[in-house]
N, C-alpha and C. Protein backbone atom coordinates (compact mmCIF):
# COMPACT_ATOMS: atom_id res chain seq x y z
N MET A 1 95.90 57.77 59.09
CA MET A 1 96.82 58.81 58.63
C MET A 1 96.44 60.16 59.22
N ARG A 2 95.11 60.46 59.21
CA ARG A 2 94.65 61.73 59.74
C ARG A 2 94.92 61.82 61.24
N LEU A 3 94.68 60.70 61.98
CA LEU A 3 94.93 60.70 63.41
C LEU A 3 96.42 60.88 63.70
N THR A 4 97.25 60.26 62.88
CA THR A 4 98.70 60.39 63.06
C THR A 4 99.13 61.84 62.85
N LEU A 5 98.54 62.51 61.82
CA LEU A 5 98.88 63.90 61.54
C LEU A 5 98.44 64.80 62.68
N LEU A 6 97.22 64.56 63.22
CA LEU A 6 96.73 65.37 64.32
C LEU A 6 97.60 65.18 65.56
N SER A 7 98.02 63.95 65.82
CA SER A 7 98.87 63.70 66.96
C SER A 7 100.20 64.40 66.82
N THR A 8 100.74 64.38 65.60
CA THR A 8 102.01 65.06 65.34
C THR A 8 101.89 66.55 65.56
N LEU A 9 100.76 67.13 65.08
CA LEU A 9 100.55 68.56 65.27
C LEU A 9 100.40 68.90 66.74
N ALA A 10 99.71 68.05 67.49
CA ALA A 10 99.52 68.32 68.92
C ALA A 10 100.84 68.29 69.66
N VAL A 11 101.68 67.30 69.33
CA VAL A 11 103.00 67.23 69.97
C VAL A 11 103.84 68.44 69.61
N GLY A 12 103.76 68.86 68.34
CA GLY A 12 104.51 70.04 67.91
C GLY A 12 104.07 71.29 68.64
N ALA A 13 102.75 71.43 68.82
CA ALA A 13 102.23 72.61 69.53
C ALA A 13 102.68 72.61 70.98
N ALA A 14 102.67 71.44 71.60
CA ALA A 14 103.12 71.36 72.99
C ALA A 14 104.59 71.71 73.11
N MET A 15 105.40 71.23 72.16
CA MET A 15 106.83 71.55 72.19
C MET A 15 107.06 73.03 72.00
N PHE A 16 106.26 73.67 71.11
CA PHE A 16 106.41 75.10 70.88
C PHE A 16 106.05 75.89 72.13
N ALA A 17 104.95 75.47 72.78
CA ALA A 17 104.53 76.16 74.01
C ALA A 17 105.60 76.04 75.08
N ALA A 18 106.20 74.87 75.19
CA ALA A 18 107.23 74.67 76.20
C ALA A 18 108.46 75.49 75.92
N SER A 19 108.78 75.65 74.61
CA SER A 19 109.98 76.40 74.26
C SER A 19 109.78 77.89 74.37
N SER A 20 108.52 78.36 74.29
CA SER A 20 108.27 79.80 74.28
C SER A 20 107.95 80.35 75.66
N GLY A 21 107.87 79.51 76.67
CA GLY A 21 107.60 80.00 78.02
C GLY A 21 106.58 79.14 78.72
N THR A 22 106.35 79.43 79.98
CA THR A 22 105.38 78.67 80.76
C THR A 22 103.98 78.89 80.22
N ALA A 23 103.24 77.79 80.05
CA ALA A 23 101.88 77.90 79.54
C ALA A 23 101.04 78.72 80.51
N LEU A 24 100.23 79.64 79.95
CA LEU A 24 99.43 80.53 80.79
C LEU A 24 98.13 79.87 81.20
N ALA A 25 97.82 79.95 82.49
CA ALA A 25 96.49 79.57 82.95
C ALA A 25 95.54 80.72 82.61
N ALA A 26 94.24 80.45 82.70
CA ALA A 26 93.27 81.50 82.43
C ALA A 26 93.47 82.65 83.41
N ALA A 27 93.41 83.88 82.91
CA ALA A 27 93.59 85.05 83.77
C ALA A 27 92.48 85.11 84.80
N THR A 28 92.84 85.46 86.04
CA THR A 28 91.86 85.55 87.11
C THR A 28 92.11 86.80 87.95
N TYR A 29 91.12 87.15 88.79
CA TYR A 29 91.24 88.28 89.70
C TYR A 29 91.97 87.85 90.98
N CYS A 30 92.37 88.84 91.75
CA CYS A 30 92.98 88.57 93.05
C CYS A 30 91.97 88.70 94.18
N SER A 31 90.79 89.23 93.89
CA SER A 31 89.84 89.61 94.94
C SER A 31 88.79 88.56 95.24
N VAL A 32 88.83 87.44 94.52
CA VAL A 32 87.80 86.42 94.71
C VAL A 32 88.14 85.58 95.93
N ALA A 33 87.32 85.66 96.95
CA ALA A 33 87.58 84.96 98.21
C ALA A 33 87.67 83.46 98.00
N GLY A 34 88.69 82.85 98.58
CA GLY A 34 88.86 81.40 98.49
C GLY A 34 89.38 80.91 97.17
N SER A 35 89.70 81.83 96.26
CA SER A 35 90.19 81.43 94.93
C SER A 35 91.36 82.31 94.55
N PRO A 36 92.56 81.97 94.99
CA PRO A 36 93.72 82.82 94.72
C PRO A 36 94.02 82.91 93.23
N ASN A 37 94.67 84.00 92.85
CA ASN A 37 95.06 84.19 91.45
C ASN A 37 95.90 83.01 90.98
N THR A 38 95.57 82.49 89.81
CA THR A 38 96.22 81.27 89.32
C THR A 38 97.71 81.48 89.02
N ALA A 39 98.13 82.72 88.82
CA ALA A 39 99.54 82.99 88.53
C ALA A 39 100.31 83.40 89.78
N GLY A 40 99.64 83.41 90.92
CA GLY A 40 100.30 83.79 92.16
C GLY A 40 100.42 85.29 92.35
N MET A 41 99.69 86.08 91.57
CA MET A 41 99.71 87.53 91.74
C MET A 41 99.11 87.92 93.07
N LYS A 42 99.59 89.04 93.64
CA LYS A 42 99.08 89.55 94.91
C LYS A 42 98.81 91.05 94.80
N LEU A 43 97.90 91.55 95.64
CA LEU A 43 97.61 92.98 95.66
C LEU A 43 98.87 93.78 96.00
N SER A 44 99.73 93.22 96.82
CA SER A 44 100.92 93.93 97.28
C SER A 44 102.05 93.93 96.26
N ASP A 45 101.85 93.28 95.10
CA ASP A 45 102.89 93.31 94.07
C ASP A 45 103.07 94.72 93.51
N LEU A 46 102.05 95.58 93.70
CA LEU A 46 102.14 96.95 93.24
C LEU A 46 101.50 97.86 94.29
N THR A 47 102.24 98.84 94.79
CA THR A 47 101.73 99.74 95.82
C THR A 47 101.78 101.18 95.33
N PHE A 48 101.02 102.05 96.04
CA PHE A 48 100.93 103.46 95.65
C PHE A 48 100.65 104.29 96.89
N SER A 49 101.24 105.49 96.93
CA SER A 49 101.12 106.33 98.14
C SER A 49 100.03 107.39 98.03
N GLY A 50 99.18 107.31 97.00
CA GLY A 50 98.17 108.35 96.82
C GLY A 50 97.24 108.50 98.00
N ASN A 51 96.86 107.39 98.60
CA ASN A 51 96.04 107.44 99.81
C ASN A 51 96.94 107.07 100.98
N THR A 52 97.41 108.10 101.70
CA THR A 52 98.35 107.88 102.79
C THR A 52 97.71 107.01 103.88
N PRO A 53 98.40 106.00 104.42
CA PRO A 53 99.75 105.59 104.04
C PRO A 53 99.75 104.79 102.73
N THR A 54 100.96 104.45 102.26
CA THR A 54 101.08 103.67 101.03
C THR A 54 100.27 102.39 101.14
N THR A 55 99.50 102.12 100.10
CA THR A 55 98.61 100.96 100.12
C THR A 55 98.84 100.06 98.93
N SER A 56 98.42 98.81 99.08
CA SER A 56 98.42 97.87 97.97
C SER A 56 97.25 98.17 97.05
N ALA A 57 97.23 97.53 95.89
CA ALA A 57 96.15 97.70 94.93
C ALA A 57 94.83 97.20 95.53
N ASP A 58 93.72 97.70 94.98
CA ASP A 58 92.40 97.23 95.40
C ASP A 58 92.07 95.88 94.77
N ASP A 59 92.65 95.60 93.62
CA ASP A 59 92.43 94.31 92.97
C ASP A 59 93.52 94.14 91.91
N CYS A 60 93.65 92.92 91.40
CA CYS A 60 94.56 92.69 90.28
C CYS A 60 93.99 91.60 89.39
N TYR A 61 94.54 91.49 88.18
CA TYR A 61 94.00 90.56 87.18
C TYR A 61 95.14 90.12 86.25
N GLY A 62 95.20 88.86 85.97
CA GLY A 62 96.22 88.36 85.06
C GLY A 62 96.45 86.87 85.27
N ILE A 63 97.39 86.35 84.55
CA ILE A 63 98.28 87.05 83.62
C ILE A 63 97.68 86.94 82.23
N VAL A 64 97.85 87.98 81.40
CA VAL A 64 97.27 88.06 80.07
C VAL A 64 98.38 88.00 79.03
N ALA A 65 98.19 87.25 77.98
CA ALA A 65 99.21 87.10 76.94
C ALA A 65 99.30 88.35 76.08
N GLY A 66 100.50 88.63 75.57
CA GLY A 66 100.71 89.70 74.61
C GLY A 66 100.83 91.08 75.22
N ASN A 67 100.82 92.09 74.33
CA ASN A 67 100.87 93.49 74.75
C ASN A 67 99.47 94.00 75.07
N GLU A 68 99.42 95.07 75.85
CA GLU A 68 98.13 95.69 76.15
C GLU A 68 97.97 96.99 75.38
N SER A 69 96.72 97.45 75.28
CA SER A 69 96.40 98.74 74.66
C SER A 69 95.13 99.24 75.31
N GLN A 70 94.77 100.48 75.00
CA GLN A 70 93.52 101.03 75.55
C GLN A 70 92.34 100.17 75.10
N THR A 71 92.35 99.75 73.84
CA THR A 71 91.25 98.92 73.33
C THR A 71 91.19 97.58 74.03
N SER A 72 92.35 96.94 74.23
CA SER A 72 92.33 95.62 74.86
C SER A 72 91.95 95.71 76.33
N ILE A 73 92.40 96.77 77.03
CA ILE A 73 92.04 96.92 78.44
C ILE A 73 90.53 97.06 78.60
N ASN A 74 89.91 97.92 77.79
CA ASN A 74 88.45 98.07 77.86
C ASN A 74 87.73 96.82 77.38
N GLY A 75 88.36 96.09 76.45
CA GLY A 75 87.76 94.87 75.92
C GLY A 75 87.75 93.70 76.87
N LEU A 76 88.52 93.79 77.96
CA LEU A 76 88.52 92.71 78.95
C LEU A 76 87.21 92.65 79.75
N ASN A 77 86.43 93.76 79.71
CA ASN A 77 85.16 93.83 80.45
C ASN A 77 85.36 93.45 81.92
N LEU A 78 86.33 94.10 82.54
CA LEU A 78 86.66 93.81 83.92
C LEU A 78 85.55 94.25 84.86
N THR A 79 85.50 93.64 86.03
CA THR A 79 84.51 94.05 87.03
C THR A 79 84.77 95.46 87.54
N TRP A 80 85.94 96.00 87.22
CA TRP A 80 86.28 97.38 87.62
C TRP A 80 85.64 98.41 86.71
N GLY A 81 84.90 97.98 85.68
CA GLY A 81 84.27 98.92 84.77
C GLY A 81 85.14 99.21 83.56
N THR A 82 84.65 100.11 82.70
CA THR A 82 85.34 100.44 81.46
C THR A 82 85.67 101.94 81.43
N ASN A 83 85.71 102.52 80.23
CA ASN A 83 86.03 103.94 80.03
C ASN A 83 87.45 104.28 80.47
N TRP A 84 88.37 103.33 80.32
CA TRP A 84 89.77 103.58 80.65
C TRP A 84 90.46 104.30 79.51
N THR A 85 91.28 105.30 79.85
CA THR A 85 92.03 106.08 78.88
C THR A 85 93.53 105.89 79.12
N PHE A 86 94.26 105.60 78.05
CA PHE A 86 95.72 105.47 78.20
C PHE A 86 96.30 106.80 78.66
N LEU A 87 97.16 106.74 79.68
CA LEU A 87 97.78 107.95 80.21
C LEU A 87 99.25 108.04 79.84
N VAL A 88 100.03 107.02 80.18
CA VAL A 88 101.48 107.13 79.99
C VAL A 88 102.10 105.75 80.08
N LYS A 89 103.23 105.57 79.38
CA LYS A 89 104.00 104.33 79.46
C LYS A 89 105.47 104.67 79.63
N ASP A 90 106.12 104.00 80.58
CA ASP A 90 107.55 104.21 80.80
C ASP A 90 108.28 102.91 80.49
N GLU A 91 109.20 102.98 79.52
CA GLU A 91 109.97 101.80 79.14
C GLU A 91 111.44 102.15 78.91
N SER A 92 111.86 103.27 79.45
CA SER A 92 113.23 103.73 79.26
C SER A 92 113.95 103.77 80.60
N GLU A 93 115.22 103.32 80.58
CA GLU A 93 116.05 103.39 81.78
C GLU A 93 116.93 104.64 81.79
N SER A 94 116.58 105.61 80.95
CA SER A 94 117.41 106.81 80.83
C SER A 94 117.34 107.68 82.09
N GLY A 95 116.31 107.45 82.91
CA GLY A 95 116.14 108.28 84.09
C GLY A 95 115.21 109.45 83.85
N SER A 96 114.86 109.69 82.59
CA SER A 96 113.91 110.76 82.28
C SER A 96 112.50 110.19 82.31
N ALA A 97 111.57 110.96 82.89
CA ALA A 97 110.20 110.48 83.07
C ALA A 97 109.42 110.55 81.76
N SER A 98 108.44 109.67 81.60
CA SER A 98 107.51 109.70 80.48
C SER A 98 106.29 110.53 80.90
N THR A 99 105.68 111.23 79.95
CA THR A 99 104.63 112.18 80.30
C THR A 99 103.32 111.90 79.57
N GLY A 100 102.23 112.35 80.19
CA GLY A 100 100.90 112.25 79.60
C GLY A 100 99.98 113.21 80.32
N SER A 101 98.75 113.37 79.83
CA SER A 101 97.81 114.30 80.47
C SER A 101 96.41 113.72 80.44
N PHE A 102 95.60 114.14 81.43
CA PHE A 102 94.21 113.71 81.52
C PHE A 102 93.46 114.71 82.38
N GLY A 103 92.30 115.15 81.90
CA GLY A 103 91.46 116.04 82.67
C GLY A 103 92.12 117.35 83.05
N GLY A 104 93.00 117.85 82.18
CA GLY A 104 93.67 119.11 82.46
C GLY A 104 94.87 119.00 83.39
N ILE A 105 95.21 117.78 83.82
CA ILE A 105 96.35 117.54 84.69
C ILE A 105 97.46 116.87 83.89
N SER A 106 98.68 117.36 84.04
CA SER A 106 99.84 116.75 83.40
C SER A 106 100.50 115.77 84.37
N TYR A 107 100.87 114.61 83.85
CA TYR A 107 101.48 113.57 84.68
C TYR A 107 102.84 113.19 84.11
N SER A 108 103.75 112.81 84.99
CA SER A 108 105.03 112.25 84.56
C SER A 108 105.29 110.99 85.37
N LEU A 109 105.60 109.91 84.65
CA LEU A 109 105.80 108.59 85.25
C LEU A 109 107.25 108.18 85.10
N ASP A 110 107.87 107.77 86.19
CA ASP A 110 109.24 107.26 86.16
C ASP A 110 109.30 106.04 87.05
N GLY A 111 109.53 104.89 86.48
CA GLY A 111 109.53 103.70 87.31
C GLY A 111 110.11 102.47 86.65
N PHE A 112 110.37 102.57 85.34
CA PHE A 112 110.85 101.39 84.65
C PHE A 112 112.31 101.10 84.97
N SER A 113 112.60 99.83 85.17
CA SER A 113 113.98 99.35 85.21
C SER A 113 113.96 97.89 84.79
N ALA A 114 114.96 97.48 84.04
CA ALA A 114 115.04 96.10 83.55
C ALA A 114 115.48 95.19 84.68
N SER A 115 114.58 94.99 85.63
CA SER A 115 114.86 94.15 86.78
C SER A 115 113.56 93.50 87.23
N THR A 116 113.60 92.77 88.33
CA THR A 116 112.41 92.06 88.78
C THR A 116 111.62 92.81 89.86
N SER A 117 112.13 93.94 90.33
CA SER A 117 111.40 94.76 91.30
C SER A 117 111.97 96.16 91.28
N GLY A 118 111.20 97.11 91.79
CA GLY A 118 111.69 98.48 91.80
C GLY A 118 110.69 99.44 92.40
N ASN A 119 111.00 100.72 92.26
CA ASN A 119 110.14 101.80 92.75
C ASN A 119 109.63 102.62 91.56
N TRP A 120 108.49 103.29 91.75
CA TRP A 120 107.98 104.15 90.69
C TRP A 120 107.42 105.42 91.31
N THR A 121 107.46 106.49 90.52
CA THR A 121 106.95 107.77 90.98
C THR A 121 105.98 108.33 89.94
N LEU A 122 104.98 109.07 90.43
CA LEU A 122 104.00 109.73 89.57
C LEU A 122 103.86 111.16 90.04
N ASN A 123 104.35 112.08 89.24
CA ASN A 123 104.23 113.50 89.55
C ASN A 123 103.10 114.10 88.72
N ALA A 124 102.45 115.15 89.25
CA ALA A 124 101.31 115.76 88.57
C ALA A 124 101.27 117.26 88.84
N GLY A 125 100.65 117.98 87.93
CA GLY A 125 100.50 119.42 88.09
C GLY A 125 99.54 119.97 87.05
N PRO A 126 99.20 121.26 87.12
CA PRO A 126 99.76 122.26 88.03
C PRO A 126 99.24 122.12 89.46
N ALA A 127 100.02 122.62 90.40
CA ALA A 127 99.70 122.46 91.82
C ALA A 127 98.34 123.06 92.17
N GLY A 128 97.98 124.17 91.49
CA GLY A 128 96.72 124.83 91.80
C GLY A 128 95.49 124.01 91.45
N SER A 129 95.66 122.96 90.64
CA SER A 129 94.53 122.12 90.25
C SER A 129 94.46 120.83 91.06
N LEU A 130 95.34 120.69 92.03
CA LEU A 130 95.42 119.47 92.83
C LEU A 130 94.91 119.73 94.25
N PRO A 131 94.47 118.69 94.96
CA PRO A 131 94.48 117.29 94.53
C PRO A 131 93.29 116.94 93.65
N VAL A 132 93.42 115.82 92.95
CA VAL A 132 92.31 115.23 92.21
C VAL A 132 92.20 113.77 92.61
N PHE A 133 91.03 113.22 92.40
CA PHE A 133 90.80 111.81 92.71
C PHE A 133 90.51 111.06 91.41
N VAL A 134 91.24 109.98 91.20
CA VAL A 134 91.12 109.21 89.96
C VAL A 134 91.12 107.72 90.30
N ASP A 135 90.64 106.93 89.34
CA ASP A 135 90.87 105.49 89.32
C ASP A 135 91.97 105.25 88.30
N PHE A 136 92.84 104.30 88.56
CA PHE A 136 93.78 103.94 87.51
C PHE A 136 94.14 102.45 87.56
N ILE A 137 94.54 101.95 86.41
CA ILE A 137 95.07 100.60 86.26
C ILE A 137 96.54 100.73 85.92
N ALA A 138 97.38 100.09 86.71
CA ALA A 138 98.81 100.01 86.41
C ALA A 138 99.06 98.65 85.76
N VAL A 139 99.73 98.68 84.61
CA VAL A 139 100.02 97.46 83.87
C VAL A 139 101.53 97.22 83.86
N LEU A 140 101.92 96.04 84.29
CA LEU A 140 103.32 95.62 84.16
C LEU A 140 103.42 94.65 83.01
N LYS A 141 104.44 94.82 82.19
CA LYS A 141 104.67 93.95 81.03
C LYS A 141 106.02 93.28 81.19
N GLY A 142 106.04 91.96 81.01
CA GLY A 142 107.28 91.21 81.06
C GLY A 142 107.22 90.07 80.06
N THR A 143 108.34 89.79 79.39
CA THR A 143 108.39 88.81 78.30
C THR A 143 107.24 89.07 77.34
N ASN A 144 106.37 88.07 77.09
CA ASN A 144 105.24 88.28 76.18
C ASN A 144 103.91 88.27 76.94
N GLU A 145 103.92 88.78 78.17
CA GLU A 145 102.73 88.76 79.02
C GLU A 145 102.57 90.10 79.74
N HIS A 146 101.37 90.36 80.23
CA HIS A 146 101.16 91.54 81.06
C HIS A 146 100.14 91.24 82.16
N ALA A 147 100.15 92.07 83.19
CA ALA A 147 99.27 91.90 84.33
C ALA A 147 98.79 93.27 84.79
N LEU A 148 97.62 93.31 85.43
CA LEU A 148 96.96 94.56 85.75
C LEU A 148 96.68 94.67 87.25
N TRP A 149 96.87 95.90 87.79
CA TRP A 149 96.53 96.21 89.18
C TRP A 149 95.63 97.43 89.19
N PHE A 150 94.54 97.34 89.96
CA PHE A 150 93.50 98.37 89.98
C PHE A 150 93.56 99.16 91.27
N PHE A 151 93.53 100.51 91.14
CA PHE A 151 93.49 101.42 92.29
C PHE A 151 92.24 102.28 92.17
N ASP A 152 91.42 102.28 93.20
CA ASP A 152 90.11 102.91 93.17
C ASP A 152 90.11 104.21 93.99
N ASP A 153 89.68 105.31 93.36
CA ASP A 153 89.52 106.61 94.05
C ASP A 153 90.76 107.01 94.84
N VAL A 154 91.89 107.06 94.12
CA VAL A 154 93.14 107.46 94.79
C VAL A 154 93.35 108.97 94.66
N LYS A 155 94.00 109.53 95.64
CA LYS A 155 94.26 110.96 95.69
C LYS A 155 95.60 111.26 95.03
N ILE A 156 95.57 112.13 94.01
CA ILE A 156 96.79 112.58 93.34
C ILE A 156 97.09 113.98 93.86
N ASP A 157 98.19 114.12 94.60
CA ASP A 157 98.47 115.42 95.22
C ASP A 157 99.73 116.10 94.68
N GLY A 158 100.32 115.52 93.64
CA GLY A 158 101.47 116.18 93.00
C GLY A 158 102.71 115.35 92.95
N SER A 159 103.00 114.58 93.99
CA SER A 159 104.19 113.74 94.03
C SER A 159 103.88 112.48 94.82
N ASP A 160 103.65 111.40 94.10
CA ASP A 160 103.31 110.12 94.73
C ASP A 160 104.27 109.05 94.25
N ASN A 161 104.33 107.97 94.97
CA ASN A 161 105.27 106.91 94.60
C ASN A 161 104.76 105.57 95.09
N GLY A 162 105.48 104.53 94.72
CA GLY A 162 105.11 103.18 95.13
C GLY A 162 106.18 102.19 94.74
N THR A 163 105.85 100.92 94.85
CA THR A 163 106.78 99.85 94.51
C THR A 163 106.12 98.88 93.54
N TRP A 164 106.92 98.12 92.81
CA TRP A 164 106.38 97.09 91.93
C TRP A 164 107.24 95.84 92.01
N GLN A 165 106.61 94.71 91.70
CA GLN A 165 107.27 93.41 91.74
C GLN A 165 106.86 92.61 90.50
N SER A 166 107.84 92.13 89.74
CA SER A 166 107.53 91.31 88.57
C SER A 166 106.85 90.01 88.99
N VAL A 167 105.92 89.55 88.15
CA VAL A 167 105.23 88.28 88.41
C VAL A 167 105.42 87.31 87.25
N PHE A 168 106.34 87.64 86.35
CA PHE A 168 106.51 86.86 85.13
C PHE A 168 107.68 85.89 85.29
N THR A 169 107.47 84.63 84.91
CA THR A 169 108.50 83.61 85.06
C THR A 169 108.74 82.87 83.75
N ASN A 170 109.92 82.24 83.65
CA ASN A 170 110.21 81.41 82.49
C ASN A 170 109.89 79.95 82.83
N ASN A 171 110.33 79.03 81.95
CA ASN A 171 110.04 77.61 82.17
C ASN A 171 110.63 77.07 83.46
N ASN A 172 111.70 77.69 83.92
CA ASN A 172 112.35 77.25 85.15
C ASN A 172 111.82 78.01 86.37
N PHE A 173 110.71 78.74 86.16
CA PHE A 173 110.05 79.51 87.22
C PHE A 173 110.96 80.60 87.80
N LYS A 174 111.85 81.07 86.96
CA LYS A 174 112.72 82.18 87.36
C LYS A 174 112.03 83.49 86.98
N LEU A 175 112.00 84.44 87.92
CA LEU A 175 111.38 85.73 87.63
C LEU A 175 112.07 86.43 86.47
N GLN A 176 111.26 87.04 85.61
CA GLN A 176 111.78 87.74 84.44
C GLN A 176 111.72 89.26 84.66
N ASP A 177 112.63 89.97 83.99
CA ASP A 177 112.71 91.42 84.14
C ASP A 177 111.49 92.10 83.51
N LEU A 178 111.25 93.31 83.97
CA LEU A 178 110.14 94.12 83.46
C LEU A 178 110.48 94.66 82.07
N SER A 179 109.45 94.77 81.22
CA SER A 179 109.60 95.39 79.90
C SER A 179 109.10 96.83 79.89
N HIS A 180 107.98 97.08 80.55
CA HIS A 180 107.49 98.45 80.71
C HIS A 180 106.40 98.50 81.77
N ILE A 181 106.07 99.72 82.19
CA ILE A 181 104.95 99.97 83.09
C ILE A 181 104.06 101.02 82.44
N SER A 182 102.75 100.77 82.41
CA SER A 182 101.78 101.69 81.80
C SER A 182 100.68 102.02 82.79
N LEU A 183 100.07 103.19 82.59
CA LEU A 183 98.93 103.60 83.40
C LEU A 183 97.74 103.93 82.51
N TYR A 184 96.56 103.46 82.93
CA TYR A 184 95.29 103.78 82.29
C TYR A 184 94.42 104.42 83.36
N ILE A 185 93.69 105.47 83.00
CA ILE A 185 93.07 106.34 84.00
C ILE A 185 91.63 106.66 83.64
N ARG A 186 90.84 107.04 84.66
CA ARG A 186 89.50 107.60 84.47
C ARG A 186 89.19 108.44 85.71
N ASN A 187 88.15 109.23 85.66
CA ASN A 187 87.78 110.07 86.79
C ASN A 187 87.33 109.21 87.98
N GLY A 188 87.72 109.64 89.17
CA GLY A 188 87.28 108.98 90.40
C GLY A 188 86.45 109.96 91.22
N ARG A 189 86.29 109.67 92.50
CA ARG A 189 85.56 110.57 93.40
C ARG A 189 86.27 110.61 94.74
N ASP A 190 86.13 111.74 95.41
CA ASP A 190 86.71 111.91 96.73
C ASP A 190 85.94 111.02 97.72
N PRO A 191 86.64 110.05 98.35
CA PRO A 191 85.94 109.17 99.30
C PRO A 191 85.29 109.94 100.44
N GLY A 192 85.73 111.18 100.70
CA GLY A 192 85.14 111.99 101.76
C GLY A 192 83.85 112.67 101.38
N ASP A 193 83.54 112.70 100.08
CA ASP A 193 82.29 113.32 99.64
C ASP A 193 81.10 112.46 100.06
N PRO A 194 79.96 113.10 100.35
CA PRO A 194 78.77 112.30 100.67
C PRO A 194 78.34 111.50 99.45
N PRO A 195 77.77 110.33 99.68
CA PRO A 195 77.33 109.52 98.53
C PRO A 195 76.24 110.22 97.74
N VAL A 196 76.22 109.93 96.45
CA VAL A 196 75.19 110.50 95.59
C VAL A 196 73.86 109.81 95.89
N VAL A 197 72.85 110.61 96.22
CA VAL A 197 71.53 110.07 96.56
C VAL A 197 70.58 110.31 95.40
N ILE A 198 69.96 109.26 94.94
CA ILE A 198 68.98 109.36 93.85
C ILE A 198 67.59 109.22 94.45
N ASP A 199 66.79 110.27 94.30
CA ASP A 199 65.44 110.24 94.85
C ASP A 199 64.58 109.25 94.08
N VAL A 200 63.96 108.35 94.81
CA VAL A 200 63.03 107.39 94.22
C VAL A 200 61.63 107.73 94.68
N PRO A 201 60.69 107.96 93.76
CA PRO A 201 59.33 108.34 94.16
C PRO A 201 58.70 107.30 95.08
N GLU A 202 57.93 107.79 96.07
CA GLU A 202 57.20 106.89 96.95
C GLU A 202 56.11 106.16 96.15
N PRO A 203 55.74 104.96 96.59
CA PRO A 203 54.68 104.22 95.87
C PRO A 203 53.39 105.02 95.72
N ALA A 204 53.03 105.80 96.76
CA ALA A 204 51.80 106.58 96.67
C ALA A 204 51.91 107.63 95.57
N THR A 205 53.09 108.23 95.45
CA THR A 205 53.29 109.24 94.42
C THR A 205 53.18 108.61 93.03
N LEU A 206 53.78 107.42 92.88
CA LEU A 206 53.69 106.72 91.59
C LEU A 206 52.23 106.39 91.26
N ALA A 207 51.46 106.01 92.28
CA ALA A 207 50.05 105.68 92.05
C ALA A 207 49.28 106.90 91.58
N LEU A 208 49.53 108.06 92.20
CA LEU A 208 48.85 109.29 91.80
C LEU A 208 49.19 109.67 90.37
N VAL A 209 50.48 109.52 90.02
CA VAL A 209 50.89 109.83 88.65
C VAL A 209 50.19 108.90 87.68
N GLY A 210 50.08 107.62 88.04
CA GLY A 210 49.40 106.67 87.18
C GLY A 210 47.94 107.01 86.98
N LEU A 211 47.27 107.40 88.07
CA LEU A 211 45.86 107.79 87.98
C LEU A 211 45.68 109.02 87.10
N ALA A 212 46.60 109.98 87.24
CA ALA A 212 46.49 111.20 86.44
C ALA A 212 46.65 110.88 84.96
N LEU A 213 47.60 110.00 84.63
CA LEU A 213 47.79 109.62 83.23
C LEU A 213 46.58 108.87 82.70
N PHE A 214 46.01 108.00 83.54
CA PHE A 214 44.82 107.26 83.12
C PHE A 214 43.66 108.21 82.87
N ALA A 215 43.47 109.18 83.75
CA ALA A 215 42.37 110.14 83.59
C ALA A 215 42.55 110.98 82.34
N ALA A 216 43.80 111.38 82.08
CA ALA A 216 44.05 112.17 80.87
C ALA A 216 43.76 111.36 79.62
N GLY A 217 44.12 110.10 79.63
CA GLY A 217 43.84 109.25 78.47
C GLY A 217 42.35 109.05 78.27
N ALA A 218 41.62 108.86 79.37
CA ALA A 218 40.17 108.67 79.27
C ALA A 218 39.50 109.93 78.73
N ALA A 219 39.99 111.09 79.14
CA ALA A 219 39.41 112.34 78.66
C ALA A 219 39.63 112.50 77.17
N ARG A 220 40.83 112.11 76.68
CA ARG A 220 41.08 112.21 75.25
C ARG A 220 40.20 111.27 74.45
N ARG A 221 39.97 110.06 75.00
CA ARG A 221 39.12 109.10 74.30
C ARG A 221 37.67 109.62 74.21
N ARG A 222 37.18 110.23 75.31
CA ARG A 222 35.82 110.78 75.29
C ARG A 222 35.72 111.92 74.29
N ALA A 223 36.78 112.74 74.22
CA ALA A 223 36.75 113.86 73.28
C ALA A 223 36.68 113.37 71.84
N ARG A 224 37.43 112.29 71.54
CA ARG A 224 37.41 111.76 70.18
C ARG A 224 36.06 111.12 69.84
N SER A 225 35.48 110.40 70.85
CA SER A 225 34.21 109.73 70.59
C SER A 225 33.07 110.74 70.45
N GLY A 226 33.21 111.92 71.10
CA GLY A 226 32.19 112.96 71.02
C GLY A 226 32.25 113.67 69.69
């Protein structure tokens, strides 16, 4: 009886999964050599003109079930690091841009359309504070799933744009329309800046410091014993 009940539940779960959309494979990166993203995502599914000429993403990850948030993005523990801050989400076809701010810079995002592909723009200001270099994650949401594209050390100069392509399909493998596009941001660095150099003491210097500490300790012990 118990086995029959478990079998019935398993069949019911499979039928529910089939009726609610294509079963999701485990989310994977796009950057792993010899191991393509299991959902067929590509770096070129989302492009950005911040680093002229327009380039594809540096990496991507997905597909992930449900909605995203700042907490969930940081909770993924991506190889791209953490400390991501929600910037802006555009989910309106009104033509008016959605706005947000970070690091004293105001941003406006316009790119949503209920279709399977499109263009997006990111404006920033004030002009006197630009350019700035940031890292950002662009998230596309479709049906009950979302996917992430990572851009590393991109230049924001006031008016940038790019393209996007939906990667979400139904049971018949038909592309589904976009629900929204979101950006998560953190500080980046100018690729033209010299690398940060951390001075590491030479072994001889470390040895001298060790000897000095040893001598000081021995002197204190002699003083106590005296």
